[in-house]
C-alpha atoms as a PDB file:
ATOM      1  CA  MET A   1      55.258  75.160  -3.683  1.00  0.00           C
ATOM      2  CA  ILE A   2      52.804  75.781  -1.114  1.00  0.00           C
ATOM      3  CA  ASN A   3      53.235  73.712   1.434  1.00  0.00           C
ATOM      4  CA  ILE A   4      50.020  72.048   3.128  1.00  0.00           C
ATOM      5  CA  ASP A   5      49.670  69.409   5.683  1.00  0.00           C
ATOM      6  CA  LYS A   6      48.184  66.284   4.840  1.00  0.00           C
ATOM      7  CA  LYS A   7      46.257  66.759   8.535  1.00  0.00           C
ATOM      8  CA  TYR A   8      44.179  69.142   6.075  1.00  0.00           C
ATOM      9  CA  ILE A   9      43.912  67.641   2.809  1.00  0.00           C
ATOM     10  CA  ILE A  10      43.000  63.657   4.291  1.00  0.00           C
ATOM     11  CA  ALA A  11      40.212  66.194   6.328  1.00  0.00           C
ATOM     12  CA  ALA A  12      39.182  67.631   2.789  1.00  0.00           C
ATOM     13  CA  VAL A  13      38.963  64.140   1.182  1.00  0.00           C
ATOM     14  CA  LEU A  14      37.139  63.376   3.816  1.00  0.00           C
ATOM     15  CA  LEU A  15      34.024  66.195   3.313  1.00  0.00           C
ATOM     16  CA  VAL A  16      34.400  65.604   0.305  1.00  0.00           C
ATOM     17  CA  ALA A  17      33.451  61.753   0.006  1.00  0.00           C
ATOM     18  CA  ALA A  18      31.070  62.529   3.872  1.00  0.00           C
ATOM     19  CA  VAL A  19      28.804  65.066   0.659  1.00  0.00           C
ATOM     20  CA  ILE A  20      29.234  62.262  -2.290  1.00  0.00           C
ATOM     21  CA  ALA A  21      27.614  60.064   0.521  1.00  0.00           C
ATOM     22  CA  TRP A  22      25.360  62.039   2.147  1.00  0.00           C
ATOM     23  CA  ASN A  23      24.126  63.009  -1.576  1.00  0.00           C
ATOM     24  CA  VAL A  24      23.841  59.836  -2.698  1.00  0.00           C
ATOM     25  CA  PHE A  25      22.352  57.463   0.458  1.00  0.00           C
ATOM     26  CA  SER A  26      20.323  60.821   1.536  1.00  0.00           C
ATOM     27  CA  GLY A  27      17.123  59.989  -1.216  1.00  0.00           C
ATOM     28  CA  THR A  28      17.560  63.579  -2.514  1.00  0.00           C
ATOM     29  CA  ASN A  29      17.867  61.946  -6.125  1.00  0.00           C
ATOM     30  CA  LEU A  30      15.072  59.438  -5.481  1.00  0.00           C
ATOM     31  CA  PRO A  31      12.064  60.884  -7.622  1.00  0.00           C
ATOM     32  CA  ASN A  32       9.449  62.715  -4.749  1.00  0.00           C
ATOM     33  CA  ASN A  33       7.285  59.803  -2.914  1.00  0.00           C
ATOM     34  CA  GLY A  34       4.566  61.477  -3.336  1.00  0.00           C
ATOM     35  CA  THR A  35       4.816  61.696  -7.208  1.00  0.00           C
ATOM     36  CA  THR A  36       5.687  58.479  -7.157  1.00  0.00           C
ATOM     37  CA  ALA A  37       2.758  56.482  -5.127  1.00  0.00           C
ATOM     38  CA  ASN A  38       0.247  59.213  -6.590  1.00  0.00           C
ATOM     39  CA  THR A  39       1.824  57.741 -10.100  1.00  0.00           C
ATOM     40  CA  VAL A  40       1.200  53.927  -8.685  1.00  0.00           C
ATOM     41  CA  ARG A  41      -1.830  54.504  -7.187  1.00  0.00           C
ATOM     42  CA  SER A  42      -3.074  55.931 -11.436  1.00  0.00           C
ATOM     43  CA  GLU A  43      -2.109  53.492 -12.401  1.00  0.00           C
ATOM     44  CA  LEU A  44      -3.476  50.955 -10.182  1.00  0.00           C
ATOM     45  CA  GLY A  45      -6.721  52.397 -11.346  1.00  0.00           C
ATOM     46  CA  THR A  46      -5.993  51.186 -14.933  1.00  0.00           C
ATOM     47  CA  ALA A  47      -5.096  48.068 -13.825  1.00  0.00           C
ATOM     48  CA  ILE A  48      -8.513  47.666 -11.906  1.00  0.00           C
ATOM     49  CA  ASP A  49     -10.970  49.327 -14.672  1.00  0.00           C
ATOM     50  CA  GLN A  50      -9.221  47.269 -16.649  1.00  0.00           C
ATOM     51  CA  GLN A  51      -9.199  43.939 -15.715  1.00  0.00           C
ATOM     52  CA  SER A  52     -12.625  45.141 -14.971  1.00  0.00           C
ATOM     53  CA  GLY A  53     -13.348  45.381 -18.774  1.00  0.00           C
ATOM     54  CA  ALA A  54     -11.999  42.461 -19.554  1.00  0.00           C
ATOM     55  CA  ILE A  55     -14.046  40.527 -16.741  1.00  0.00           C
ATOM     56  CA  ASP A  56     -17.724  42.277 -18.323  1.00  0.00           C
ATOM     57  CA  THR A  57     -16.112  40.989 -21.633  1.00  0.00           C
ATOM     58  CA  THR A  58     -15.849  37.306 -20.903  1.00  0.00           C
ATOM     59  CA  LYS A  59     -19.330  38.043 -19.214  1.00  0.00           C
ATOM     60  CA  SER A  60     -20.418  38.652 -22.260  1.00  0.00           C
ATOM     61  CA  ILE A  61     -18.792  35.861 -24.223  1.00  0.00           C
ATOM     62  CA  GLU A  62     -20.068  33.246 -21.346  1.00  0.00           C
ATOM     63  CA  ALA A  63     -23.182  34.719 -21.982  1.00  0.00           C
ATOM     64  CA  GLY A  64     -23.500  34.323 -26.297  1.00  0.00           C
ATOM     65  CA  LEU A  65     -21.740  31.223 -25.564  1.00  0.00           C
ATOM     66  CA  ASP A  66     -24.661  30.060 -24.042  1.00  0.00           C
ATOM     67  CA  ASN A  67     -26.532  31.028 -26.041  1.00  0.00           C
ATOM     68  CA  SER A  68     -25.391  29.350 -28.851  1.00  0.00           C
ATOM     69  CA  VAL A  69     -25.558  26.139 -26.857  1.00  0.00           C
ATOM     70  CA  LYS A  70     -29.009  26.385 -26.233  1.00  0.00           C
ATOM     71  CA  SER A  71     -29.792  26.684 -30.740  1.00  0.00           C
ATOM     72  CA  VAL A  72     -27.386  23.761 -30.518  1.00  0.00           C
ATOM     73  CA  GLY A  73     -29.384  21.971 -29.139  1.00  0.00           C
ATOM     74  CA  ASN A  74     -32.873  23.648 -30.844  1.00  0.00           C
ATOM     75  CA  ILE A  75     -31.596  22.728 -33.420  1.00  0.00           C
ATOM     76  CA  GLU A  76     -30.437  19.096 -32.587  1.00  0.00           C
ATOM     77  CA  SER A  77     -34.232  18.011 -31.051  1.00  0.00           C
ATOM     78  CA  THR A  78     -34.900  19.867 -34.983  1.00  0.00           C
ATOM     79  CA  ILE A  79     -32.772  17.435 -36.446  1.00  0.00           C
ATOM     80  CA  ASN A  80     -34.111  14.226 -34.247  1.00  0.00           C
ATOM     81  CA  HIS A  81     -37.968  15.615 -35.312  1.00  0.00           C
ATOM     82  CA  ALA A  82     -37.308  15.880 -38.870  1.00  0.00           C
ATOM     83  CA  SER A  83     -35.460  12.277 -38.159  1.00  0.00           C
ATOM     84  CA  ASP A  84     -38.106  10.432 -35.876  1.00  0.00           C
ATOM     85  CA  THR A  85     -41.149  12.205 -39.043  1.00  0.00           C
ATOM     86  CA  ASN A  86     -38.841  10.948 -41.960  1.00  0.00           C
ATOM     87  CA  THR A  87     -38.598   6.783 -39.874  1.00  0.00           C
ATOM     88  CA  THR A  88     -42.237   7.114 -39.853  1.00  0.00           C
ATOM     89  CA  SER A  89     -43.117   8.035 -43.166  1.00  0.00           C
ATOM     90  CA  ILE A  90     -40.651   5.200 -44.335  1.00  0.00           C
ATOM     91  CA  THR A  91     -42.500   2.929 -41.781  1.00  0.00           C
ATOM     92  CA  THR A  92     -45.780   4.498 -43.653  1.00  0.00           C
ATOM     93  CA  ALA A  93     -45.135   4.637 -46.896  1.00  0.00           C
ATOM     94  CA  THR A  94     -44.044   0.708 -46.685  1.00  0.00           C
ATOM     95  CA  ASP A  95     -47.594  -0.098 -44.741  1.00  0.00           C
ATOM     96  CA  SER A  96     -49.707   1.673 -47.633  1.00  0.00           C
ATOM     97  CA  ALA A  97     -47.345  -0.167 -50.477  1.00  0.00           C
ATOM     98  CA  ILE A  98     -48.397  -3.484 -48.726  1.00  0.00           C
ATOM     99  CA  LEU A  99     -51.814  -2.740 -48.250  1.00  0.00           C
ATOM    100  CA  ILE A 100     -51.842  -1.652 -52.088  1.00  0.00           C
ATOM    101  CA  ALA A 101     -50.422  -5.191 -53.246  1.00  0.00           C
ATOM    102  CA  ASP A 102     -53.282  -6.406 -51.671  1.00  0.00           C
ATOM    103  CA  CYS A 103     -55.739  -4.560 -52.444  1.00  0.00           C
ATOM    104  CA  GLN A 104     -54.344  -5.452 -55.781  1.00  0.00           C
ATOM    105  CA  ARG A 105     -54.240  -8.496 -55.375  1.00  0.00           C
ATOM    106  CA  ILE A 106     -58.060  -8.880 -53.934  1.00  0.00           C
ATOM    107  CA  LEU A 107     -59.054  -6.979 -57.545  1.00  0.00           C
ATOM    108  CA  SER A 108     -57.265  -9.109 -59.404  1.00  0.00           C
ATOM    109  CA  ASP A 109     -58.510 -12.697 -57.610  1.00  0.00           C
ATOM    110  CA  ILE A 110     -62.249 -10.330 -58.288  1.00  0.00           C
ATOM    111  CA  ARG A 111     -61.439  -9.954 -62.061  1.00  0.00           C
ATOM    112  CA  ALA A 112     -60.336 -13.733 -62.260  1.00  0.00           C
ATOM    113  CA  GLY A 113     -63.660 -14.195 -60.674  1.00  0.00           C
ATOM    114  CA  GLY A 114     -65.690 -12.429 -62.722  1.00  0.00           C
ATOM    115  CA  LYS A 115     -64.422 -13.726 -66.151  1.00  0.00           C
ATOM    116  CA  LYS A 116     -64.852 -17.872 -65.106  1.00  0.00           C
ATOM    117  CA  GLY A 117     -68.704 -16.870 -64.416  1.00  0.00           C
ATOM    118  CA  ASN A 118     -68.648 -17.418 -60.793  1.00  0.00           C
END
């Protein structure tokens, strides 16, 4: 059997542990920081573009809603005008009915007076 001094075994174990620690903590297993920064920059650019698109879409929707509100206002104005016109027509019809009734009464009185010989 080979007789190895314990100092050499301990030194070898420490050397292996040091190599493993160096490999783990030195960052050699991490991705390249330049590539990672470019990837992040690219993703941020994409996110900014998407947010700009969302803002443009929101502005377009707001403009459409503003136009809808104006249209509803125009419709409301038209309905109010039609209602006013209808009220005026009802008043005119009522006044006309009263005048027609008065005229018919006057004609009736005239006819009745002519029959009496006045």
